[in-house]
C-alpha atoms as a PDB file:
ATOM      1  CA  UNK A   1      20.159-152.532-180.389  1.00  0.00           C
ATOM      2  CA  UNK A   2      22.240-152.137-177.310  1.00  0.00           C
ATOM      3  CA  UNK A   3      23.607-148.750-179.138  1.00  0.00           C
ATOM      4  CA  UNK A   4      19.991-147.453-179.350  1.00  0.00           C
ATOM      5  CA  UNK A   5      18.882-148.380-175.858  1.00  0.00           C
ATOM      6  CA  UNK A   6      22.306-146.198-174.603  1.00  0.00           C
ATOM      7  CA  UNK A   7      21.565-143.359-176.481  1.00  0.00           C
ATOM      8  CA  UNK A   8      18.205-143.783-175.674  1.00  0.00           C
ATOM      9  CA  UNK A   9      19.268-143.551-171.711  1.00  0.00           C
ATOM     10  CA  UNK A  10      21.471-140.654-172.400  1.00  0.00           C
ATOM     11  CA  UNK A  11      19.182-138.501-173.551  1.00  0.00           C
ATOM     12  CA  UNK A  12      16.510-138.902-171.406  1.00  0.00           C
ATOM     13  CA  UNK A  13      19.624-138.350-168.578  1.00  0.00           C
ATOM     14  CA  UNK A  14      20.213-135.026-170.363  1.00  0.00           C
ATOM     15  CA  UNK A  15      16.450-134.001-170.604  1.00  0.00           C
ATOM     16  CA  UNK A  16      16.198-134.898-167.065  1.00  0.00           C
ATOM     17  CA  UNK A  17      19.078-132.899-165.887  1.00  0.00           C
ATOM     18  CA  UNK A  18      18.167-129.861-168.257  1.00  0.00           C
ATOM     19  CA  UNK A  19      14.528-129.562-166.810  1.00  0.00           C
ATOM     20  CA  UNK A  20      15.430-130.518-163.051  1.00  0.00           C
ATOM     21  CA  UNK A  21      13.498-134.239-163.504  1.00  0.00           C
ATOM     22  CA  UNK A  22      15.830-135.204-160.920  1.00  0.00           C
ATOM     23  CA  UNK A  23      15.152-138.214-158.828  1.00  0.00           C
ATOM     24  CA  UNK A  24      16.238-137.211-155.293  1.00  0.00           C
ATOM     25  CA  UNK A  25      15.981-139.984-152.490  1.00  0.00           C
ATOM     26  CA  UNK A  26      12.884-139.250-149.780  1.00  0.00           C
ATOM     27  CA  UNK A  27      13.892-136.817-147.393  1.00  0.00           C
ATOM     28  CA  UNK A  28      14.547-139.060-143.822  1.00  0.00           C
ATOM     29  CA  UNK A  29      12.188-138.282-141.019  1.00  0.00           C
ATOM     30  CA  UNK A  30      12.911-136.392-138.380  1.00  0.00           C
ATOM     31  CA  UNK A  31      12.014-136.433-134.695  1.00  0.00           C
ATOM     32  CA  UNK A  32      11.222-132.515-134.522  1.00  0.00           C
ATOM     33  CA  UNK A  33       7.651-131.900-134.621  1.00  0.00           C
ATOM     34  CA  UNK A  34       5.611-128.910-136.218  1.00  0.00           C
ATOM     35  CA  UNK A  35       3.363-127.474-134.696  1.00  0.00           C
ATOM     36  CA  UNK A  36       0.669-124.989-134.934  1.00  0.00           C
ATOM     37  CA  UNK A  37       0.696-121.639-133.084  1.00  0.00           C
ATOM     38  CA  UNK A  38      -1.329-119.138-133.749  1.00  0.00           C
ATOM     39  CA  UNK A  39       0.256-115.136-134.405  1.00  0.00           C
ATOM     40  CA  UNK A  40      -1.632-112.483-133.027  1.00  0.00           C
ATOM     41  CA  UNK A  41      -1.854-109.066-135.492  1.00  0.00           C
ATOM     42  CA  UNK A  42      -0.144-107.316-132.725  1.00  0.00           C
ATOM     43  CA  UNK A  43       2.647-109.586-132.762  1.00  0.00           C
ATOM     44  CA  UNK A  44       3.270-109.003-136.553  1.00  0.00           C
ATOM     45  CA  UNK A  45       3.418-104.762-136.415  1.00  0.00           C
ATOM     46  CA  UNK A  46       6.808-103.482-137.585  1.00  0.00           C
ATOM     47  CA  UNK A  47       8.503-100.169-136.484  1.00  0.00           C
ATOM     48  CA  UNK A  48       6.895 -98.189-139.434  1.00  0.00           C
ATOM     49  CA  UNK A  49       3.287 -99.772-137.999  1.00  0.00           C
ATOM     50  CA  UNK A  50       3.960 -98.301-134.979  1.00  0.00           C
ATOM     51  CA  UNK A  51       4.804 -95.229-136.127  1.00  0.00           C
ATOM     52  CA  UNK A  52       2.206 -94.756-138.149  1.00  0.00           C
ATOM     53  CA  UNK A  53      -0.309 -95.651-134.800  1.00  0.00           C
ATOM     54  CA  UNK A  54       1.080 -92.365-133.783  1.00  0.00           C
ATOM     55  CA  UNK A  55       1.304 -88.096-135.096  1.00  0.00           C
ATOM     56  CA  UNK A  56       3.643 -89.570-137.524  1.00  0.00           C
ATOM     57  CA  UNK A  57       0.498 -91.159-139.320  1.00  0.00           C
ATOM     58  CA  UNK A  58      -1.429 -87.712-139.397  1.00  0.00           C
ATOM     59  CA  UNK A  59       1.564 -85.440-139.682  1.00  0.00           C
ATOM     60  CA  UNK A  60       4.541 -85.579-141.959  1.00  0.00           C
ATOM     61  CA  UNK A  61       7.587 -86.354-140.050  1.00  0.00           C
ATOM     62  CA  UNK A  62      10.310 -84.311-140.617  1.00  0.00           C
ATOM     63  CA  UNK A  63      13.193 -86.604-139.522  1.00  0.00           C
ATOM     64  CA  UNK A  64      11.616 -90.190-141.496  1.00  0.00           C
ATOM     65  CA  UNK A  65       9.361 -88.190-144.254  1.00  0.00           C
ATOM     66  CA  UNK A  66      10.498 -89.662-147.872  1.00  0.00           C
ATOM     67  CA  UNK A  67      10.740 -86.205-150.677  1.00  0.00           C
ATOM     68  CA  UNK A  68       7.892 -87.253-152.489  1.00  0.00           C
ATOM     69  CA  UNK A  69       5.877 -86.392-149.323  1.00  0.00           C
ATOM     70  CA  UNK A  70       6.186 -83.170-149.753  1.00  0.00           C
ATOM     71  CA  UNK A  71       4.356 -83.210-152.460  1.00  0.00           C
ATOM     72  CA  UNK A  72       1.196 -82.076-151.412  1.00  0.00           C
ATOM     73  CA  UNK A  73       2.624 -79.253-149.343  1.00  0.00           C
ATOM     74  CA  UNK A  74       2.616 -75.964-151.960  1.00  0.00           C
ATOM     75  CA  UNK A  75       6.039 -74.928-153.247  1.00  0.00           C
ATOM     76  CA  UNK A  76       8.131 -76.843-151.275  1.00  0.00           C
ATOM     77  CA  UNK A  77       8.830 -80.040-153.522  1.00  0.00           C
ATOM     78  CA  UNK A  78      11.140 -80.665-154.526  1.00  0.00           C
ATOM     79  CA  UNK A  79      13.866 -78.063-153.735  1.00  0.00           C
ATOM     80  CA  UNK A  80      13.055 -77.356-150.245  1.00  0.00           C
ATOM     81  CA  UNK A  81      12.228 -80.627-149.430  1.00  0.00           C
ATOM     82  CA  UNK A  82      15.738 -81.360-150.184  1.00  0.00           C
ATOM     83  CA  UNK A  83      17.229 -79.005-148.203  1.00  0.00           C
ATOM     84  CA  UNK A  84      15.093 -80.224-145.250  1.00  0.00           C
ATOM     85  CA  UNK A  85      16.056 -83.763-145.870  1.00  0.00           C
ATOM     86  CA  UNK A  86      19.969 -83.384-146.278  1.00  0.00           C
ATOM     87  CA  UNK A  87      19.695 -81.148-142.665  1.00  0.00           C
ATOM     88  CA  UNK A  88      17.928 -83.409-140.895  1.00  0.00           C
ATOM     89  CA  UNK A  89      17.472 -85.005-137.924  1.00  0.00           C
ATOM     90  CA  UNK A  90      15.864 -81.987-135.978  1.00  0.00           C
ATOM     91  CA  UNK A  91      15.217 -81.733-132.511  1.00  0.00           C
ATOM     92  CA  UNK A  92      12.103 -80.185-132.852  1.00  0.00           C
ATOM     93  CA  UNK A  93       9.602 -78.478-135.240  1.00  0.00           C
ATOM     94  CA  UNK A  94      11.558 -75.425-135.343  1.00  0.00           C
ATOM     95  CA  UNK A  95      14.613 -75.966-136.212  1.00  0.00           C
ATOM     96  CA  UNK A  96      13.875 -77.023-139.393  1.00  0.00           C
ATOM     97  CA  UNK A  97      13.786 -72.777-140.042  1.00  0.00           C
ATOM     98  CA  UNK A  98      16.932 -72.893-138.946  1.00  0.00           C
ATOM     99  CA  UNK A  99      18.345 -74.259-142.196  1.00  0.00           C
ATOM    100  CA  UNK A 100      21.407 -72.419-143.550  1.00  0.00           C
ATOM    101  CA  UNK A 101      20.584 -71.422-146.981  1.00  0.00           C
ATOM    102  CA  UNK A 102      17.146 -71.165-146.389  1.00  0.00           C
ATOM    103  CA  UNK A 103      15.586 -68.351-149.034  1.00  0.00           C
ATOM    104  CA  UNK A 104      13.167 -65.849-146.818  1.00  0.00           C
ATOM    105  CA  UNK A 105      10.420 -66.453-149.563  1.00  0.00           C
ATOM    106  CA  UNK A 106      11.511 -70.522-148.494  1.00  0.00           C
ATOM    107  CA  UNK A 107      11.921 -69.685-144.449  1.00  0.00           C
ATOM    108  CA  UNK A 108       7.916 -68.438-145.297  1.00  0.00           C
ATOM    109  CA  UNK A 109       6.723 -71.047-146.918  1.00  0.00           C
ATOM    110  CA  UNK A 110       8.086 -73.708-143.872  1.00  0.00           C
ATOM    111  CA  UNK A 111       6.560 -71.234-141.548  1.00  0.00           C
ATOM    112  CA  UNK A 112       3.208 -71.664-143.272  1.00  0.00           C
ATOM    113  CA  UNK A 113       3.356 -75.337-143.107  1.00  0.00           C
ATOM    114  CA  UNK A 114       5.046 -75.523-139.852  1.00  0.00           C
ATOM    115  CA  UNK A 115       1.674 -77.042-138.208  1.00  0.00           C
ATOM    116  CA  UNK A 116       1.685 -79.705-140.582  1.00  0.00           C
ATOM    117  CA  UNK A 117       5.183 -81.266-139.397  1.00  0.00           C
ATOM    118  CA  UNK A 118       5.858 -83.402-136.346  1.00  0.00           C
ATOM    119  CA  UNK A 119       9.721 -84.913-135.374  1.00  0.00           C
ATOM    120  CA  UNK A 120      10.242 -88.573-134.452  1.00  0.00           C
ATOM    121  CA  UNK A 121      13.520 -90.433-133.919  1.00  0.00           C
ATOM    122  CA  UNK A 122      15.306 -91.216-137.013  1.00  0.00           C
ATOM    123  CA  UNK A 123      13.747 -95.008-138.227  1.00  0.00           C
ATOM    124  CA  UNK A 124      16.739 -97.061-139.867  1.00  0.00           C
ATOM    125  CA  UNK A 125      13.506 -98.724-141.829  1.00  0.00           C
ATOM    126  CA  UNK A 126      12.713 -94.997-142.789  1.00  0.00           C
ATOM    127  CA  UNK A 127      15.469 -93.486-143.623  1.00  0.00           C
ATOM    128  CA  UNK A 128      18.360 -95.608-144.621  1.00  0.00           C
ATOM    129  CA  UNK A 129      19.977 -95.705-148.283  1.00  0.00           C
ATOM    130  CA  UNK A 130      18.606 -93.424-151.205  1.00  0.00           C
ATOM    131  CA  UNK A 131      15.286 -94.159-150.917  1.00  0.00           C
ATOM    132  CA  UNK A 132      14.322 -90.946-148.718  1.00  0.00           C
ATOM    133  CA  UNK A 133      15.741 -89.210-151.826  1.00  0.00           C
ATOM    134  CA  UNK A 134      14.731 -90.977-154.406  1.00  0.00           C
ATOM    135  CA  UNK A 135      11.568 -93.513-154.142  1.00  0.00           C
ATOM    136  CA  UNK A 136      11.422 -94.330-157.922  1.00  0.00           C
ATOM    137  CA  UNK A 137       7.367 -93.428-157.142  1.00  0.00           C
ATOM    138  CA  UNK A 138       6.152 -90.571-159.585  1.00  0.00           C
ATOM    139  CA  UNK A 139       2.930 -89.607-159.935  1.00  0.00           C
END
């Protein structure tokens, strides 16, 4: 009978360990009081939200755009878009026309879309890593 009881206790112990059914002691009460502090939506804004509320939200920012953003501009994706991203950052929109290695046709395509572009200070949240070249979003 002792063997059976010991086997049962060991089996339950192994099962409880495997499935995480361990008995844990109750946490000691702390003297820290948790108070509810309401957070306003304005406090939750981040750098990207702030950029979207500027001209960046209506125009393509050459210093912060992802290669996929150029799809909506005829003839710019992927070749010209890649050249723009590799040459960024730009001080002003017209600097994009000075990229070395652009053909006359590529310059004409950029010139035709120049009013659709803007430049802002590069934001690490938008340009760090390889997401700028391949964010994994495909159409």
